[in-house]
Amino acid sequence: MRPASRVLGILAVSLVAASCGPLNVSGFKDDLRFGTGIDYSAMKLTGESTSFTVATTPTVSFRIESAANFDGRFVRLYLNTLEQKDFAACANKDAHICLSAFNVSNSGTYEVKGYLVDTIVDIGKETLVTSATLTLH
């Protein structure tokens, strides 16, 4: 192989590797999903969707997964930055997944942002995990 061809080959492999994103050694990824129920034995949602009818689904279940372990931090969801919901039961040191639910009463489209929160004195240090869109009609 000629030197110019070798350089081009290395460059092509580097571009493909870079486009795949950073290597995640934990096997977990940053993800937020919604559903109508929870199957705790399989650690997954039932009735998974991004759109629900408030009249028939007043409680939305969610599954948030973090590439980084929770390390004692609790989960906080913001709905359109207007409403905050905290889930302290998910604050296991080695956890990567939180399954829980919250009540909804108003129709609309919401950007839901999921954070891990480390409590420091009276405030919390928030680390964004991911976000997803939720539609309630």
N, C-alpha and C. Protein backbone atom coordinates (compact mmCIF):
# COMPACT_ATOMS: atom_id res chain seq x y z
N MET A 1 0.85 -1.18 0.00
CA MET A 1 0.00 0.00 0.00
C MET A 1 0.90 1.23 0.00
N ARG A 2 0.58 2.19 -0.87
CA ARG A 2 1.36 3.42 -0.95
C ARG A 2 1.06 4.31 0.25
N PRO A 3 2.01 5.16 0.67
CA PRO A 3 1.80 6.02 1.85
C PRO A 3 0.55 6.88 1.75
N ALA A 4 0.24 7.44 0.59
CA ALA A 4 -0.96 8.28 0.46
C ALA A 4 -2.22 7.45 0.65
N SER A 5 -2.22 6.23 0.13
CA SER A 5 -3.38 5.34 0.30
C SER A 5 -3.55 4.95 1.76
N ARG A 6 -2.43 4.70 2.41
CA ARG A 6 -2.47 4.32 3.83
C ARG A 6 -3.07 5.46 4.67
N VAL A 7 -2.65 6.69 4.40
CA VAL A 7 -3.17 7.86 5.13
C VAL A 7 -4.67 8.00 4.89
N LEU A 8 -5.10 7.86 3.64
CA LEU A 8 -6.53 7.95 3.34
C LEU A 8 -7.31 6.84 4.03
N GLY A 9 -6.75 5.64 4.08
CA GLY A 9 -7.42 4.52 4.75
C GLY A 9 -7.57 4.78 6.25
N ILE A 10 -6.52 5.27 6.87
CA ILE A 10 -6.57 5.58 8.30
C ILE A 10 -7.57 6.69 8.57
N LEU A 11 -7.58 7.71 7.70
CA LEU A 11 -8.53 8.81 7.85
C LEU A 11 -9.97 8.31 7.73
N ALA A 12 -10.24 7.43 6.78
CA ALA A 12 -11.59 6.90 6.59
C ALA A 12 -12.04 6.10 7.81
N VAL A 13 -11.16 5.25 8.34
CA VAL A 13 -11.49 4.46 9.53
C VAL A 13 -11.73 5.38 10.72
N SER A 14 -10.93 6.43 10.87
CA SER A 14 -11.09 7.38 11.97
C SER A 14 -12.43 8.10 11.89
N LEU A 15 -12.83 8.50 10.68
CA LEU A 15 -14.12 9.19 10.52
C LEU A 15 -15.28 8.28 10.85
N VAL A 16 -15.21 7.02 10.43
CA VAL A 16 -16.28 6.06 10.75
C VAL A 16 -16.35 5.85 12.25
N ALA A 17 -15.22 5.68 12.91
CA ALA A 17 -15.20 5.46 14.36
C ALA A 17 -15.72 6.68 15.10
N ALA A 18 -15.36 7.87 14.65
CA ALA A 18 -15.81 9.09 15.31
C ALA A 18 -17.31 9.28 15.15
N SER A 19 -17.87 8.86 14.03
CA SER A 19 -19.30 9.03 13.82
C SER A 19 -20.13 8.10 14.69
N CYS A 20 -19.52 7.06 15.22
CA CYS A 20 -20.23 6.12 16.09
C CYS A 20 -20.35 6.65 17.51
N GLY A 21 -19.68 7.73 17.84
CA GLY A 21 -19.76 8.31 19.18
C GLY A 21 -18.77 7.65 20.12
N PRO A 22 -18.74 8.12 21.36
CA PRO A 22 -17.79 7.57 22.32
C PRO A 22 -18.15 6.15 22.72
N LEU A 23 -17.14 5.39 23.04
CA LEU A 23 -17.33 4.01 23.47
C LEU A 23 -17.96 4.00 24.85
N ASN A 24 -19.05 3.27 25.01
CA ASN A 24 -19.74 3.18 26.29
C ASN A 24 -19.44 1.82 26.89
N VAL A 25 -18.57 1.78 27.87
CA VAL A 25 -18.16 0.51 28.45
C VAL A 25 -19.20 -0.06 29.41
N SER A 26 -20.15 0.74 29.89
CA SER A 26 -21.14 0.25 30.84
C SER A 26 -22.21 -0.60 30.16
N GLY A 27 -22.42 -0.42 28.86
CA GLY A 27 -23.49 -1.13 28.17
C GLY A 27 -24.83 -0.42 28.27
N PHE A 28 -24.90 0.65 29.04
CA PHE A 28 -26.12 1.43 29.19
C PHE A 28 -26.02 2.69 28.33
N LYS A 29 -27.18 3.26 27.98
CA LYS A 29 -27.18 4.48 27.17
C LYS A 29 -28.13 5.48 27.80
N ASP A 30 -27.99 6.73 27.44
CA ASP A 30 -28.89 7.77 27.92
C ASP A 30 -30.19 7.68 27.11
N ASP A 31 -31.31 7.41 27.81
CA ASP A 31 -32.57 7.17 27.11
C ASP A 31 -33.73 7.47 28.06
N LEU A 32 -34.83 8.01 27.50
CA LEU A 32 -36.04 8.29 28.26
C LEU A 32 -37.23 7.86 27.42
N ARG A 33 -38.07 6.99 28.00
CA ARG A 33 -39.25 6.46 27.30
C ARG A 33 -40.46 6.53 28.21
N PHE A 34 -41.65 6.50 27.58
CA PHE A 34 -42.91 6.59 28.31
C PHE A 34 -43.81 5.41 27.96
N GLY A 35 -44.71 5.06 28.90
CA GLY A 35 -45.62 3.96 28.67
C GLY A 35 -46.84 4.04 29.58
N THR A 36 -47.70 3.04 29.48
CA THR A 36 -48.91 3.01 30.30
C THR A 36 -48.74 2.17 31.56
N GLY A 37 -47.67 1.41 31.64
CA GLY A 37 -47.43 0.56 32.82
C GLY A 37 -45.98 0.13 32.87
N ILE A 38 -45.65 -0.66 33.91
CA ILE A 38 -44.27 -1.09 34.14
C ILE A 38 -44.24 -2.58 34.40
N ASP A 39 -43.32 -3.28 33.73
CA ASP A 39 -43.03 -4.68 34.00
C ASP A 39 -41.70 -4.70 34.74
N TYR A 40 -41.77 -4.69 36.08
CA TYR A 40 -40.54 -4.59 36.88
C TYR A 40 -39.65 -5.81 36.71
N SER A 41 -40.23 -6.99 36.46
CA SER A 41 -39.41 -8.20 36.33
C SER A 41 -38.51 -8.13 35.10
N ALA A 42 -38.96 -7.45 34.05
CA ALA A 42 -38.16 -7.31 32.84
C ALA A 42 -37.50 -5.94 32.74
N MET A 43 -37.75 -5.07 33.72
CA MET A 43 -37.21 -3.70 33.74
C MET A 43 -37.57 -2.95 32.45
N LYS A 44 -38.85 -3.07 32.04
CA LYS A 44 -39.28 -2.37 30.83
C LYS A 44 -40.70 -1.83 31.00
N LEU A 45 -41.08 -0.98 30.07
CA LEU A 45 -42.41 -0.39 30.07
C LEU A 45 -43.38 -1.25 29.29
N THR A 46 -44.66 -1.13 29.62
CA THR A 46 -45.72 -1.71 28.80
C THR A 46 -46.46 -0.54 28.17
N GLY A 47 -47.09 -0.78 27.04
CA GLY A 47 -47.84 0.27 26.36
C GLY A 47 -46.98 1.45 25.99
N GLU A 48 -45.76 1.17 25.52
CA GLU A 48 -44.82 2.25 25.23
C GLU A 48 -45.31 3.13 24.09
N SER A 49 -45.20 4.45 24.29
CA SER A 49 -45.62 5.43 23.29
C SER A 49 -45.08 6.80 23.69
N THR A 50 -45.28 7.77 22.83
CA THR A 50 -44.94 9.16 23.16
C THR A 50 -46.20 10.02 23.19
N SER A 51 -47.37 9.39 22.95
CA SER A 51 -48.64 10.11 22.91
C SER A 51 -49.70 9.34 23.69
N PHE A 52 -50.38 10.05 24.60
CA PHE A 52 -51.38 9.41 25.45
C PHE A 52 -52.61 10.30 25.57
N THR A 53 -53.75 9.68 25.87
CA THR A 53 -54.99 10.41 26.14
C THR A 53 -55.11 10.58 27.64
N VAL A 54 -55.23 11.80 28.10
CA VAL A 54 -55.27 12.09 29.54
C VAL A 54 -56.44 11.37 30.21
N ALA A 55 -57.58 11.29 29.53
CA ALA A 55 -58.77 10.66 30.13
C ALA A 55 -58.56 9.18 30.42
N THR A 56 -57.79 8.48 29.57
CA THR A 56 -57.59 7.05 29.77
C THR A 56 -56.24 6.72 30.41
N THR A 57 -55.31 7.65 30.38
CA THR A 57 -53.98 7.43 30.96
C THR A 57 -53.61 8.62 31.85
N PRO A 58 -54.24 8.73 33.02
CA PRO A 58 -53.90 9.87 33.89
C PRO A 58 -52.53 9.72 34.56
N THR A 59 -51.97 8.51 34.51
CA THR A 59 -50.64 8.26 35.05
C THR A 59 -49.75 7.76 33.92
N VAL A 60 -48.66 8.46 33.69
CA VAL A 60 -47.70 8.07 32.66
C VAL A 60 -46.51 7.41 33.34
N SER A 61 -46.19 6.21 32.89
CA SER A 61 -45.00 5.52 33.40
C SER A 61 -43.80 5.96 32.58
N PHE A 62 -42.63 5.90 33.17
CA PHE A 62 -41.42 6.25 32.43
C PHE A 62 -40.27 5.35 32.81
N ARG A 63 -39.33 5.27 31.90
CA ARG A 63 -38.09 4.53 32.11
C ARG A 63 -36.96 5.43 31.65
N ILE A 64 -36.11 5.81 32.60
CA ILE A 64 -34.93 6.60 32.23
C ILE A 64 -33.71 5.74 32.47
N GLU A 65 -32.83 5.75 31.49
CA GLU A 65 -31.59 4.99 31.56
C GLU A 65 -30.43 5.96 31.39
N SER A 66 -29.40 5.76 32.19
CA SER A 66 -28.23 6.63 32.14
C SER A 66 -26.98 5.81 31.85
N ALA A 67 -26.15 6.29 30.95
CA ALA A 67 -24.88 5.62 30.67
C ALA A 67 -24.00 5.63 31.92
N ALA A 68 -24.07 6.71 32.68
CA ALA A 68 -23.34 6.81 33.95
C ALA A 68 -24.22 6.23 35.06
N ASN A 69 -23.62 5.59 36.05
CA ASN A 69 -24.46 5.08 37.13
C ASN A 69 -24.99 6.23 37.98
N PHE A 70 -26.09 5.98 38.67
CA PHE A 70 -26.75 7.02 39.44
C PHE A 70 -25.88 7.49 40.60
N ASP A 71 -25.07 6.59 41.15
CA ASP A 71 -24.12 6.94 42.21
C ASP A 71 -24.78 7.69 43.36
N GLY A 72 -25.97 7.25 43.75
CA GLY A 72 -26.68 7.86 44.88
C GLY A 72 -27.49 9.08 44.51
N ARG A 73 -27.45 9.51 43.25
CA ARG A 73 -28.23 10.68 42.82
C ARG A 73 -29.66 10.26 42.53
N PHE A 74 -30.61 11.16 42.78
CA PHE A 74 -32.00 10.86 42.46
C PHE A 74 -32.36 11.41 41.09
N VAL A 75 -33.50 10.95 40.55
CA VAL A 75 -33.96 11.36 39.23
C VAL A 75 -34.93 12.53 39.36
N ARG A 76 -34.74 13.53 38.50
CA ARG A 76 -35.65 14.67 38.44
C ARG A 76 -36.09 14.84 36.99
N LEU A 77 -37.40 14.98 36.79
CA LEU A 77 -37.95 15.27 35.47
C LEU A 77 -38.52 16.68 35.47
N TYR A 78 -38.23 17.42 34.42
CA TYR A 78 -38.86 18.72 34.19
C TYR A 78 -39.77 18.58 32.99
N LEU A 79 -41.02 19.04 33.11
CA LEU A 79 -41.95 19.06 32.00
C LEU A 79 -42.06 20.50 31.53
N ASN A 80 -41.51 20.78 30.35
CA ASN A 80 -41.47 22.14 29.79
C ASN A 80 -40.87 23.15 30.76
N THR A 81 -39.98 22.77 31.58
CA THR A 81 -39.33 23.60 32.60
C THR A 81 -40.33 24.25 33.56
N LEU A 82 -41.62 23.87 33.46
CA LEU A 82 -42.64 24.46 34.33
C LEU A 82 -42.92 23.61 35.55
N GLU A 83 -42.85 22.31 35.37
CA GLU A 83 -43.21 21.41 36.45
C GLU A 83 -42.06 20.45 36.70
N GLN A 84 -41.76 20.23 37.98
CA GLN A 84 -40.65 19.38 38.39
C GLN A 84 -41.19 18.20 39.16
N LYS A 85 -40.68 17.00 38.85
CA LYS A 85 -41.06 15.79 39.56
C LYS A 85 -39.79 15.06 39.98
N ASP A 86 -39.67 14.75 41.28
CA ASP A 86 -38.49 14.09 41.81
C ASP A 86 -38.80 12.64 42.18
N PHE A 87 -37.80 11.77 41.97
CA PHE A 87 -37.96 10.34 42.23
C PHE A 87 -36.76 9.85 43.03
N ALA A 88 -36.85 9.97 44.35
CA ALA A 88 -35.75 9.62 45.24
C ALA A 88 -35.55 8.12 45.37
N ALA A 89 -36.60 7.33 45.11
CA ALA A 89 -36.49 5.88 45.25
C ALA A 89 -35.51 5.27 44.25
N CYS A 90 -35.13 6.03 43.24
CA CYS A 90 -34.21 5.53 42.21
C CYS A 90 -32.75 5.81 42.53
N ALA A 91 -32.44 6.34 43.69
CA ALA A 91 -31.09 6.83 44.00
C ALA A 91 -30.15 5.73 44.49
N ASN A 92 -30.19 4.56 43.87
CA ASN A 92 -29.29 3.48 44.22
C ASN A 92 -27.89 3.78 43.68
N LYS A 93 -26.87 3.45 44.42
CA LYS A 93 -25.50 3.78 44.03
C LYS A 93 -25.11 3.18 42.68
N ASP A 94 -25.46 1.93 42.41
CA ASP A 94 -25.03 1.26 41.19
C ASP A 94 -26.09 1.22 40.10
N ALA A 95 -27.22 1.91 40.30
CA ALA A 95 -28.31 1.87 39.33
C ALA A 95 -27.97 2.63 38.05
N HIS A 96 -28.55 2.17 36.96
CA HIS A 96 -28.48 2.87 35.68
C HIS A 96 -29.88 3.12 35.13
N ILE A 97 -30.89 2.48 35.74
CA ILE A 97 -32.26 2.55 35.23
C ILE A 97 -33.21 2.91 36.36
N CYS A 98 -34.15 3.81 36.06
CA CYS A 98 -35.22 4.16 36.99
C CYS A 98 -36.55 3.94 36.28
N LEU A 99 -37.43 3.19 36.92
CA LEU A 99 -38.79 2.97 36.44
C LEU A 99 -39.74 3.56 37.47
N SER A 100 -40.61 4.45 37.04
CA SER A 100 -41.58 5.05 37.95
C SER A 100 -42.71 5.65 37.12
N ALA A 101 -43.56 6.44 37.76
CA ALA A 101 -44.71 7.04 37.07
C ALA A 101 -45.04 8.37 37.70
N PHE A 102 -45.76 9.19 36.94
CA PHE A 102 -46.23 10.47 37.44
C PHE A 102 -47.62 10.74 36.90
N ASN A 103 -48.39 11.54 37.64
CA ASN A 103 -49.75 11.88 37.23
C ASN A 103 -49.74 13.08 36.29
N VAL A 104 -50.69 13.05 35.36
CA VAL A 104 -50.86 14.15 34.43
C VAL A 104 -52.32 14.59 34.43
N SER A 105 -52.54 15.86 34.22
CA SER A 105 -53.93 16.34 34.19
C SER A 105 -54.20 17.31 33.06
N ASN A 106 -53.16 17.83 32.42
CA ASN A 106 -53.35 18.82 31.37
C ASN A 106 -52.86 18.31 30.02
N SER A 107 -53.66 18.55 29.00
CA SER A 107 -53.26 18.19 27.64
C SER A 107 -52.16 19.13 27.18
N GLY A 108 -51.37 18.67 26.20
CA GLY A 108 -50.33 19.49 25.62
C GLY A 108 -49.15 18.65 25.18
N THR A 109 -48.20 19.32 24.57
CA THR A 109 -46.95 18.67 24.17
C THR A 109 -45.87 19.17 25.11
N TYR A 110 -45.15 18.24 25.70
CA TYR A 110 -44.16 18.57 26.71
C TYR A 110 -42.78 18.08 26.28
N GLU A 111 -41.78 18.92 26.51
CA GLU A 111 -40.41 18.45 26.43
C GLU A 111 -40.06 18.02 27.85
N VAL A 112 -39.75 16.75 28.00
CA VAL A 112 -39.42 16.21 29.32
C VAL A 112 -37.92 16.02 29.36
N LYS A 113 -37.28 16.69 30.32
CA LYS A 113 -35.84 16.57 30.51
C LYS A 113 -35.58 15.76 31.78
N GLY A 114 -34.72 14.77 31.66
CA GLY A 114 -34.37 13.92 32.79
C GLY A 114 -32.98 14.22 33.31
N TYR A 115 -32.90 14.43 34.60
CA TYR A 115 -31.63 14.77 35.26
C TYR A 115 -31.32 13.79 36.37
N LEU A 116 -30.04 13.63 36.68
CA LEU A 116 -29.59 13.01 37.91
C LEU A 116 -29.21 14.15 38.83
N VAL A 117 -29.67 14.10 40.08
CA VAL A 117 -29.46 15.21 41.00
C VAL A 117 -28.70 14.74 42.23
N ASP A 118 -27.59 15.39 42.48
CA ASP A 118 -26.77 15.13 43.65
C ASP A 118 -27.10 16.20 44.67
N THR A 119 -27.62 15.81 45.82
CA THR A 119 -28.00 16.78 46.84
C THR A 119 -26.77 17.34 47.52
N ILE A 120 -26.66 18.65 47.49
CA ILE A 120 -25.56 19.35 48.14
C ILE A 120 -26.19 20.39 49.06
N VAL A 121 -26.10 20.18 50.36
CA VAL A 121 -26.71 21.02 51.39
C VAL A 121 -28.20 21.19 51.06
N ASP A 122 -28.66 22.40 50.77
CA ASP A 122 -30.07 22.63 50.50
C ASP A 122 -30.39 22.69 49.01
N ILE A 123 -29.38 22.58 48.17
CA ILE A 123 -29.62 22.65 46.73
C ILE A 123 -29.18 21.35 46.08
N GLY A 124 -29.40 21.22 44.81
CA GLY A 124 -28.98 20.02 44.10
C GLY A 124 -28.18 20.36 42.87
N LYS A 125 -27.18 19.56 42.60
CA LYS A 125 -26.40 19.72 41.38
C LYS A 125 -27.03 18.79 40.34
N GLU A 126 -27.58 19.38 39.28
CA GLU A 126 -28.28 18.63 38.26
C GLU A 126 -27.35 18.29 37.09
N THR A 127 -27.44 17.05 36.63
CA THR A 127 -26.70 16.60 35.45
C THR A 127 -27.71 16.06 34.46
N LEU A 128 -27.82 16.72 33.31
CA LEU A 128 -28.77 16.30 32.28
C LEU A 128 -28.39 14.93 31.75
N VAL A 129 -29.38 14.02 31.72
CA VAL A 129 -29.18 12.69 31.14
C VAL A 129 -29.67 12.70 29.70
N THR A 130 -30.94 13.09 29.50
CA THR A 130 -31.52 13.09 28.17
C THR A 130 -32.87 13.80 28.20
N SER A 131 -33.49 13.95 27.04
CA SER A 131 -34.82 14.53 26.98
C SER A 131 -35.64 13.81 25.92
N ALA A 132 -36.96 13.94 26.02
CA ALA A 132 -37.88 13.32 25.07
C ALA A 132 -39.15 14.14 25.03
N THR A 133 -39.90 13.98 23.95
CA THR A 133 -41.17 14.70 23.79
C THR A 133 -42.32 13.79 24.19
N LEU A 134 -43.27 14.34 24.94
CA LEU A 134 -44.46 13.63 25.41
C LEU A 134 -45.68 14.45 25.02
N THR A 135 -46.66 13.80 24.37
CA THR A 135 -47.86 14.47 23.96
C THR A 135 -49.05 13.88 24.70
N LEU A 136 -49.84 14.76 25.33
CA LEU A 136 -51.03 14.35 26.07
C LEU A 136 -52.23 15.05 25.42
N HIS A 137 -53.24 14.27 25.05
CA HIS A 137 -54.42 14.87 24.41
C HIS A 137 -55.68 14.34 25.06
